[in-house]
Amino acid sequence: MMYESRFETDERFERETVGSIERTTAYETNEADGPTYKTGTTIVALAAADGVVMGADKRMSLGGRFTASKDVEKLSQVHSTATMAISGAVGPAQQLLDSLQAEASLYRTRHGEPMSMKALSKTTGHLVRGLPVQPLLGGVDETGGHVFELDGSGSVIEDSYAAGGSGMQTAYGLLEGRMEPQLSVSEATDVATDAVLAASERDTASGNGVTIATITREGVQIGDVTDMNGGAS
């Protein structure tokens, strides 16, 4: 989801409706803090038969009006077999990633095994509360692949696929048409890539390539993909 830069008002509210769930995020703003960089963003996640695939564009904007970076990594490994895709204000998203990585590492040190995805999602729900971010969390445990939507209200919603950010409407349109049960990781990678590329064609805050994360029981692989229409993503 795309958040406004911080200007004159003391508080901003942004509403979105995803399916039948209406979520409201409020956060304090302070002009003295300066401009808020945001990822703009199209992020997607799909549960496959043998893992999870996540995708994201690479653009970061200032106030939604200026492209501040064309090479932002919006997918980060947070657990031995889990990845988070960030959407929203960059600073809080980075803090969330650091905190979640620390919690997952501490749990593994204490218990000698990684968190289950259910436990990791609940921990993320607590950490994200009150932040102007709406990440997606994807990962694999002994029960299979899992995809979770989260937001600043603390909600944690599991689904077989999800999209987020300013390009989510276009991405969802493609996902609805091509998502099928028991896709292979390779097939899910193609769908995730096409969803991000399609959103980047219509959403001015998304673009500059596609990053894909593939998550299986063996671990996490994150890298850029090539747009077959020409040029590097």
C-alpha atoms as a PDB file:
ATOM      1  CA  MET A   1       0.000   0.000   0.000  1.00  0.00           C
ATOM      2  CA  MET A   2       1.231   3.531  -0.732  1.00  0.00           C
ATOM      3  CA  TYR A   3       1.413   6.041   2.109  1.00  0.00           C
ATOM      4  CA  GLU A   4       1.442   9.833   1.843  1.00  0.00           C
ATOM      5  CA  SER A   5       4.501  11.951   2.607  1.00  0.00           C
ATOM      6  CA  ARG A   6       4.407  13.822   5.906  1.00  0.00           C
ATOM      7  CA  PHE A   7       3.213  17.384   5.412  1.00  0.00           C
ATOM      8  CA  GLU A   8       0.939  19.704   7.423  1.00  0.00           C
ATOM      9  CA  THR A   9      -1.626  17.493   9.097  1.00  0.00           C
ATOM     10  CA  ASP A  10      -1.174  15.783  12.450  1.00  0.00           C
ATOM     11  CA  GLU A  11      -2.739  12.500  11.467  1.00  0.00           C
ATOM     12  CA  ARG A  12      -3.624  10.725   8.259  1.00  0.00           C
ATOM     13  CA  PHE A  13      -5.910   7.829   7.728  1.00  0.00           C
ATOM     14  CA  GLU A  14      -5.894   5.558   4.756  1.00  0.00           C
ATOM     15  CA  ARG A  15      -8.528   2.910   4.149  1.00  0.00           C
ATOM     16  CA  GLU A  16      -8.521  -0.032   1.819  1.00  0.00           C
ATOM     17  CA  THR A  17     -10.865  -2.908   1.264  1.00  0.00           C
ATOM     18  CA  VAL A  18      -9.423  -6.330   0.503  1.00  0.00           C
ATOM     19  CA  GLY A  19     -12.191  -8.822  -0.194  1.00  0.00           C
ATOM     20  CA  SER A  20     -14.759  -8.292   2.557  1.00  0.00           C
ATOM     21  CA  ILE A  21     -12.227  -7.043   5.108  1.00  0.00           C
ATOM     22  CA  GLU A  22     -11.921  -3.304   5.663  1.00  0.00           C
ATOM     23  CA  ARG A  23      -8.756  -2.229   7.396  1.00  0.00           C
ATOM     24  CA  THR A  24      -7.898   1.219   8.726  1.00  0.00           C
ATOM     25  CA  THR A  25      -4.382   2.398   9.453  1.00  0.00           C
ATOM     26  CA  ALA A  26      -3.684   5.603  11.350  1.00  0.00           C
ATOM     27  CA  TYR A  27      -0.286   6.996  12.111  1.00  0.00           C
ATOM     28  CA  GLU A  28       1.132  10.196  13.544  1.00  0.00           C
ATOM     29  CA  THR A  29       2.968  12.614  11.311  1.00  0.00           C
ATOM     30  CA  ASN A  30       5.379  15.356  12.212  1.00  0.00           C
ATOM     31  CA  GLU A  31       6.638  17.883   9.689  1.00  0.00           C
ATOM     32  CA  ALA A  32       9.941  18.153  11.525  1.00  0.00           C
ATOM     33  CA  ASP A  33      10.665  14.502  10.754  1.00  0.00           C
ATOM     34  CA  GLY A  34      11.089  15.378   7.079  1.00  0.00           C
ATOM     35  CA  PRO A  35       9.810  13.439   4.052  1.00  0.00           C
ATOM     36  CA  THR A  36       8.785   9.818   4.304  1.00  0.00           C
ATOM     37  CA  TYR A  37      10.260   7.465   1.718  1.00  0.00           C
ATOM     38  CA  LYS A  38       7.934   4.699   0.684  1.00  0.00           C
ATOM     39  CA  THR A  39       8.176   1.656  -1.474  1.00  0.00           C
ATOM     40  CA  GLY A  40       5.057   2.475  -3.525  1.00  0.00           C
ATOM     41  CA  THR A  41       5.093  -1.155  -4.437  1.00  0.00           C
ATOM     42  CA  THR A  42       3.619  -4.221  -5.949  1.00  0.00           C
ATOM     43  CA  ILE A  43       4.223  -7.330  -3.854  1.00  0.00           C
ATOM     44  CA  VAL A  44       2.733 -10.793  -4.333  1.00  0.00           C
ATOM     45  CA  ALA A  45       2.959 -14.194  -2.640  1.00  0.00           C
ATOM     46  CA  LEU A  46       1.705 -17.622  -3.745  1.00  0.00           C
ATOM     47  CA  ALA A  47       1.660 -20.952  -1.945  1.00  0.00           C
ATOM     48  CA  ALA A  48       2.855 -23.677  -4.318  1.00  0.00           C
ATOM     49  CA  ALA A  49       2.736 -27.460  -4.056  1.00  0.00           C
ATOM     50  CA  ASP A  50       6.341 -27.674  -2.886  1.00  0.00           C
ATOM     51  CA  GLY A  51       6.962 -24.236  -1.427  1.00  0.00           C
ATOM     52  CA  VAL A  52       6.103 -20.540  -1.612  1.00  0.00           C
ATOM     53  CA  VAL A  53       6.990 -17.926  -4.240  1.00  0.00           C
ATOM     54  CA  MET A  54       7.058 -14.181  -3.548  1.00  0.00           C
ATOM     55  CA  GLY A  55       7.613 -11.307  -5.962  1.00  0.00           C
ATOM     56  CA  ALA A  56       8.184  -7.547  -5.759  1.00  0.00           C
ATOM     57  CA  ASP A  57       9.098  -4.603  -7.935  1.00  0.00           C
ATOM     58  CA  LYS A  58      12.214  -2.498  -7.201  1.00  0.00           C
ATOM     59  CA  ARG A  59      11.076   1.140  -7.164  1.00  0.00           C
ATOM     60  CA  MET A  60      11.089   3.476  -4.144  1.00  0.00           C
ATOM     61  CA  SER A  61       9.382   6.863  -4.345  1.00  0.00           C
ATOM     62  CA  LEU A  62       9.306  10.099  -2.376  1.00  0.00           C
ATOM     63  CA  GLY A  63       5.725  11.191  -1.807  1.00  0.00           C
ATOM     64  CA  GLY A  64       4.624   9.061  -4.743  1.00  0.00           C
ATOM     65  CA  ARG A  65       5.889  11.794  -7.071  1.00  0.00           C
ATOM     66  CA  PHE A  66       9.611  11.169  -7.448  1.00  0.00           C
ATOM     67  CA  THR A  67      11.520   7.914  -7.974  1.00  0.00           C
ATOM     68  CA  ALA A  68      14.095   7.958  -5.179  1.00  0.00           C
ATOM     69  CA  SER A  69      15.627   4.577  -6.026  1.00  0.00           C
ATOM     70  CA  LYS A  70      15.350   2.029  -8.821  1.00  0.00           C
ATOM     71  CA  ASP A  71      17.052  -0.834  -7.002  1.00  0.00           C
ATOM     72  CA  VAL A  72      15.298  -1.444  -3.694  1.00  0.00           C
ATOM     73  CA  GLU A  73      15.230  -4.925  -2.204  1.00  0.00           C
ATOM     74  CA  LYS A  74      11.671  -5.436  -0.966  1.00  0.00           C
ATOM     75  CA  LEU A  75      12.079  -9.153  -0.228  1.00  0.00           C
ATOM     76  CA  SER A  76      14.124 -10.156   2.812  1.00  0.00           C
ATOM     77  CA  GLN A  77      14.736 -13.504   4.465  1.00  0.00           C
ATOM     78  CA  VAL A  78      13.532 -13.372   8.082  1.00  0.00           C
ATOM     79  CA  HIS A  79      13.793 -17.050   9.053  1.00  0.00           C
ATOM     80  CA  SER A  80      15.524 -20.155   7.715  1.00  0.00           C
ATOM     81  CA  THR A  81      12.497 -20.911   5.510  1.00  0.00           C
ATOM     82  CA  ALA A  82      10.538 -17.637   5.450  1.00  0.00           C
ATOM     83  CA  THR A  83      10.635 -14.305   3.638  1.00  0.00           C
ATOM     84  CA  MET A  84       8.875 -10.968   4.092  1.00  0.00           C
ATOM     85  CA  ALA A  85       7.804  -8.575   1.320  1.00  0.00           C
ATOM     86  CA  ILE A  86       7.532  -4.965   2.443  1.00  0.00           C
ATOM     87  CA  SER A  87       4.995  -2.327   1.456  1.00  0.00           C
ATOM     88  CA  GLY A  88       4.621   1.116   3.019  1.00  0.00           C
ATOM     89  CA  ALA A  89       7.005   3.516   4.736  1.00  0.00           C
ATOM     90  CA  VAL A  90      10.579   2.317   4.306  1.00  0.00           C
ATOM     91  CA  GLY A  91      12.009   3.223   7.724  1.00  0.00           C
ATOM     92  CA  PRO A  92       9.364   1.380   9.778  1.00  0.00           C
ATOM     93  CA  ALA A  93       9.529  -1.565   7.358  1.00  0.00           C
ATOM     94  CA  GLN A  94      13.280  -1.862   7.914  1.00  0.00           C
ATOM     95  CA  GLN A  95      12.769  -1.744  11.678  1.00  0.00           C
ATOM     96  CA  LEU A  96      10.148  -4.490  11.393  1.00  0.00           C
ATOM     97  CA  LEU A  97      12.513  -6.691   9.399  1.00  0.00           C
ATOM     98  CA  ASP A  98      15.347  -6.234  11.915  1.00  0.00           C
ATOM     99  CA  SER A  99      13.062  -7.017  14.857  1.00  0.00           C
ATOM    100  CA  LEU A 100      11.552 -10.110  13.244  1.00  0.00           C
ATOM    101  CA  GLN A 101      14.951 -11.483  12.221  1.00  0.00           C
ATOM    102  CA  ALA A 102      16.163 -10.999  15.798  1.00  0.00           C
ATOM    103  CA  GLU A 103      13.097 -12.740  17.274  1.00  0.00           C
ATOM    104  CA  ALA A 104      13.415 -15.701  14.898  1.00  0.00           C
ATOM    105  CA  SER A 105      17.133 -16.049  15.631  1.00  0.00           C
ATOM    106  CA  LEU A 106      16.576 -15.850  19.393  1.00  0.00           C
ATOM    107  CA  TYR A 107      13.848 -18.509  19.244  1.00  0.00           C
ATOM    108  CA  ARG A 108      16.092 -20.880  17.312  1.00  0.00           C
ATOM    109  CA  THR A 109      18.944 -20.337  19.779  1.00  0.00           C
ATOM    110  CA  ARG A 110      16.712 -21.049  22.775  1.00  0.00           C
ATOM    111  CA  HIS A 111      14.716 -23.960  21.364  1.00  0.00           C
ATOM    112  CA  GLY A 112      17.146 -25.529  18.912  1.00  0.00           C
ATOM    113  CA  GLU A 113      14.648 -25.387  16.044  1.00  0.00           C
ATOM    114  CA  PRO A 114      13.051 -22.708  13.864  1.00  0.00           C
ATOM    115  CA  MET A 115       9.655 -21.165  14.629  1.00  0.00           C
ATOM    116  CA  SER A 116       6.646 -22.703  12.939  1.00  0.00           C
ATOM    117  CA  MET A 117       5.007 -20.418  10.398  1.00  0.00           C
ATOM    118  CA  LYS A 118       2.000 -19.991  12.687  1.00  0.00           C
ATOM    119  CA  ALA A 119       4.231 -18.773  15.508  1.00  0.00           C
ATOM    120  CA  LEU A 120       6.243 -16.558  13.162  1.00  0.00           C
ATOM    121  CA  SER A 121       3.077 -14.958  11.768  1.00  0.00           C
ATOM    122  CA  LYS A 122       1.756 -14.220  15.272  1.00  0.00           C
ATOM    123  CA  THR A 123       5.082 -12.689  16.267  1.00  0.00           C
ATOM    124  CA  THR A 124       5.008 -10.540  13.127  1.00  0.00           C
ATOM    125  CA  GLY A 125       1.449  -9.454  13.921  1.00  0.00           C
ATOM    126  CA  HIS A 126       2.591  -8.134  17.298  1.00  0.00           C
ATOM    127  CA  LEU A 127       5.632  -6.359  15.831  1.00  0.00           C
ATOM    128  CA  VAL A 128       3.746  -4.699  12.955  1.00  0.00           C
ATOM    129  CA  ARG A 129       1.024  -3.218  15.170  1.00  0.00           C
ATOM    130  CA  GLY A 130       0.912   0.573  14.838  1.00  0.00           C
ATOM    131  CA  LEU A 131       3.392   0.743  11.947  1.00  0.00           C
ATOM    132  CA  PRO A 132       2.527   2.331   8.548  1.00  0.00           C
ATOM    133  CA  VAL A 133       3.389  -0.861   6.668  1.00  0.00           C
ATOM    134  CA  GLN A 134       1.422  -3.751   5.135  1.00  0.00           C
ATOM    135  CA  PRO A 135       3.813  -6.638   4.532  1.00  0.00           C
ATOM    136  CA  LEU A 136       3.293 -10.118   3.180  1.00  0.00           C
ATOM    137  CA  LEU A 137       4.905 -13.076   4.926  1.00  0.00           C
ATOM    138  CA  GLY A 138       5.567 -16.363   3.185  1.00  0.00           C
ATOM    139  CA  GLY A 139       7.272 -19.506   4.353  1.00  0.00           C
ATOM    140  CA  VAL A 140       7.429 -23.256   4.677  1.00  0.00           C
ATOM    141  CA  ASP A 141       7.329 -25.551   7.703  1.00  0.00           C
ATOM    142  CA  GLU A 142       6.461 -29.192   8.350  1.00  0.00           C
ATOM    143  CA  THR A 143       2.805 -28.482   7.474  1.00  0.00           C
ATOM    144  CA  GLY A 144       3.610 -27.027   4.038  1.00  0.00           C
ATOM    145  CA  GLY A 145       3.694 -23.565   2.469  1.00  0.00           C
ATOM    146  CA  HIS A 146       1.944 -20.580   4.036  1.00  0.00           C
ATOM    147  CA  VAL A 147       1.134 -17.011   2.926  1.00  0.00           C
ATOM    148  CA  PHE A 148       0.024 -14.307   5.368  1.00  0.00           C
ATOM    149  CA  GLU A 149      -1.246 -10.739   4.926  1.00  0.00           C
ATOM    150  CA  LEU A 150      -0.524  -8.351   7.814  1.00  0.00           C
ATOM    151  CA  ASP A 151      -1.131  -4.692   8.586  1.00  0.00           C
ATOM    152  CA  GLY A 152      -0.657  -1.999  11.216  1.00  0.00           C
ATOM    153  CA  SER A 153      -3.825  -2.978  13.068  1.00  0.00           C
ATOM    154  CA  GLY A 154      -2.127  -6.253  13.992  1.00  0.00           C
ATOM    155  CA  SER A 155      -4.314  -8.456  11.807  1.00  0.00           C
ATOM    156  CA  VAL A 156      -2.859 -11.702  10.453  1.00  0.00           C
ATOM    157  CA  ILE A 157      -4.742 -13.328   7.557  1.00  0.00           C
ATOM    158  CA  GLU A 158      -3.649 -16.550   5.876  1.00  0.00           C
ATOM    159  CA  ASP A 159      -4.526 -17.265   2.256  1.00  0.00           C
ATOM    160  CA  SER A 160      -3.189 -19.316  -0.643  1.00  0.00           C
ATOM    161  CA  TYR A 161      -2.124 -16.141  -2.460  1.00  0.00           C
ATOM    162  CA  ALA A 162      -2.039 -12.416  -1.790  1.00  0.00           C
ATOM    163  CA  ALA A 163      -0.970  -9.084  -3.240  1.00  0.00           C
ATOM    164  CA  GLY A 164      -0.190  -5.743  -1.642  1.00  0.00           C
ATOM    165  CA  GLY A 165       0.915  -2.212  -2.355  1.00  0.00           C
ATOM    166  CA  SER A 166      -0.219   0.432  -4.784  1.00  0.00           C
ATOM    167  CA  GLY A 167      -0.286  -2.040  -7.688  1.00  0.00           C
ATOM    168  CA  MET A 168      -2.295  -4.683  -5.873  1.00  0.00           C
ATOM    169  CA  GLN A 169      -5.516  -4.308  -7.891  1.00  0.00           C
ATOM    170  CA  THR A 170      -3.823  -5.121 -11.188  1.00  0.00           C
ATOM    171  CA  ALA A 171      -1.771  -7.876  -9.561  1.00  0.00           C
ATOM    172  CA  TYR A 172      -4.873  -9.469  -8.040  1.00  0.00           C
ATOM    173  CA  GLY A 173      -6.579  -9.433 -11.422  1.00  0.00           C
ATOM    174  CA  LEU A 174      -3.817 -11.549 -12.915  1.00  0.00           C
ATOM    175  CA  LEU A 175      -3.519 -13.813  -9.863  1.00  0.00           C
ATOM    176  CA  GLU A 176      -7.266 -14.532  -9.892  1.00  0.00           C
ATOM    177  CA  GLY A 177      -7.063 -15.707 -13.479  1.00  0.00           C
ATOM    178  CA  ARG A 178      -3.962 -17.868 -13.192  1.00  0.00           C
ATOM    179  CA  MET A 179      -3.720 -19.151  -9.633  1.00  0.00           C
ATOM    180  CA  GLU A 180      -4.474 -22.875  -9.393  1.00  0.00           C
ATOM    181  CA  PRO A 181      -4.119 -25.454  -6.607  1.00  0.00           C
ATOM    182  CA  GLN A 182      -0.820 -27.340  -6.486  1.00  0.00           C
ATOM    183  CA  LEU A 183       1.214 -25.129  -8.820  1.00  0.00           C
ATOM    184  CA  SER A 184       4.882 -26.094  -8.930  1.00  0.00           C
ATOM    185  CA  VAL A 185       7.441 -23.575  -7.712  1.00  0.00           C
ATOM    186  CA  SER A 186       8.461 -23.004 -11.336  1.00  0.00           C
ATOM    187  CA  GLU A 187       4.858 -22.332 -12.412  1.00  0.00           C
ATOM    188  CA  ALA A 188       4.231 -20.087  -9.402  1.00  0.00           C
ATOM    189  CA  THR A 189       7.392 -18.129 -10.247  1.00  0.00           C
ATOM    190  CA  ASP A 190       6.016 -17.378 -13.719  1.00  0.00           C
ATOM    191  CA  VAL A 191       2.677 -16.233 -12.256  1.00  0.00           C
ATOM    192  CA  ALA A 192       4.317 -14.021  -9.611  1.00  0.00           C
ATOM    193  CA  THR A 193       6.644 -12.439 -12.177  1.00  0.00           C
ATOM    194  CA  ASP A 194       3.803 -11.711 -14.592  1.00  0.00           C
ATOM    195  CA  ALA A 195       1.651 -10.228 -11.799  1.00  0.00           C
ATOM    196  CA  VAL A 196       4.364  -7.758 -10.810  1.00  0.00           C
ATOM    197  CA  LEU A 197       5.123  -6.864 -14.431  1.00  0.00           C
ATOM    198  CA  ALA A 198       1.427  -6.314 -15.197  1.00  0.00           C
ATOM    199  CA  ALA A 199       1.022  -4.029 -12.177  1.00  0.00           C
ATOM    200  CA  SER A 200       4.160  -2.108 -13.131  1.00  0.00           C
ATOM    201  CA  GLU A 201       2.598  -1.307 -16.506  1.00  0.00           C
ATOM    202  CA  ARG A 202      -0.303   0.548 -14.853  1.00  0.00           C
ATOM    203  CA  ASP A 203       0.931   1.683 -11.434  1.00  0.00           C
ATOM    204  CA  THR A 204       3.342   4.615 -11.609  1.00  0.00           C
ATOM    205  CA  ALA A 205       4.765   3.850  -8.151  1.00  0.00           C
ATOM    206  CA  SER A 206       5.824   0.321  -9.180  1.00  0.00           C
ATOM    207  CA  GLY A 207       8.497  -0.723 -11.635  1.00  0.00           C
ATOM    208  CA  ASN A 208      12.219  -0.979 -12.416  1.00  0.00           C
ATOM    209  CA  GLY A 209      12.297  -4.752 -12.429  1.00  0.00           C
ATOM    210  CA  VAL A 210      11.166  -7.808 -10.522  1.00  0.00           C
ATOM    211  CA  THR A 211      12.718  -9.653  -7.598  1.00  0.00           C
ATOM    212  CA  ILE A 212      11.583 -13.209  -6.857  1.00  0.00           C
ATOM    213  CA  ALA A 213      12.000 -15.280  -3.686  1.00  0.00           C
ATOM    214  CA  THR A 214      11.523 -19.046  -3.795  1.00  0.00           C
ATOM    215  CA  ILE A 215      11.066 -20.721  -0.421  1.00  0.00           C
ATOM    216  CA  THR A 216      11.238 -24.479   0.102  1.00  0.00           C
ATOM    217  CA  ARG A 217      12.170 -26.815   2.945  1.00  0.00           C
ATOM    218  CA  GLU A 218      15.774 -26.473   1.779  1.00  0.00           C
ATOM    219  CA  GLY A 219      15.823 -22.703   2.362  1.00  0.00           C
ATOM    220  CA  VAL A 220      15.320 -19.345   0.652  1.00  0.00           C
ATOM    221  CA  GLN A 221      16.633 -18.090  -2.690  1.00  0.00           C
ATOM    222  CA  ILE A 222      16.171 -14.431  -3.666  1.00  0.00           C
ATOM    223  CA  GLY A 223      17.200 -12.897  -6.979  1.00  0.00           C
ATOM    224  CA  ASP A 224      16.188 -10.704  -9.903  1.00  0.00           C
ATOM    225  CA  VAL A 225      14.486 -12.124 -12.986  1.00  0.00           C
ATOM    226  CA  THR A 226      14.657 -11.113 -16.637  1.00  0.00           C
ATOM    227  CA  ASP A 227      11.732  -9.560 -18.442  1.00  0.00           C
ATOM    228  CA  MET A 228      11.360 -11.707 -21.538  1.00  0.00           C
ATOM    229  CA  ASN A 229       9.901  -8.724 -23.386  1.00  0.00           C
ATOM    230  CA  GLY A 230      13.353  -7.183 -23.384  1.00  0.00           C
ATOM    231  CA  GLY A 231      15.756  -5.765 -20.856  1.00  0.00           C
ATOM    232  CA  ALA A 232      16.759  -6.841 -17.401  1.00  0.00           C
ATOM    233  CA  SER A 233      14.309  -6.767 -14.555  1.00  0.00           C
END
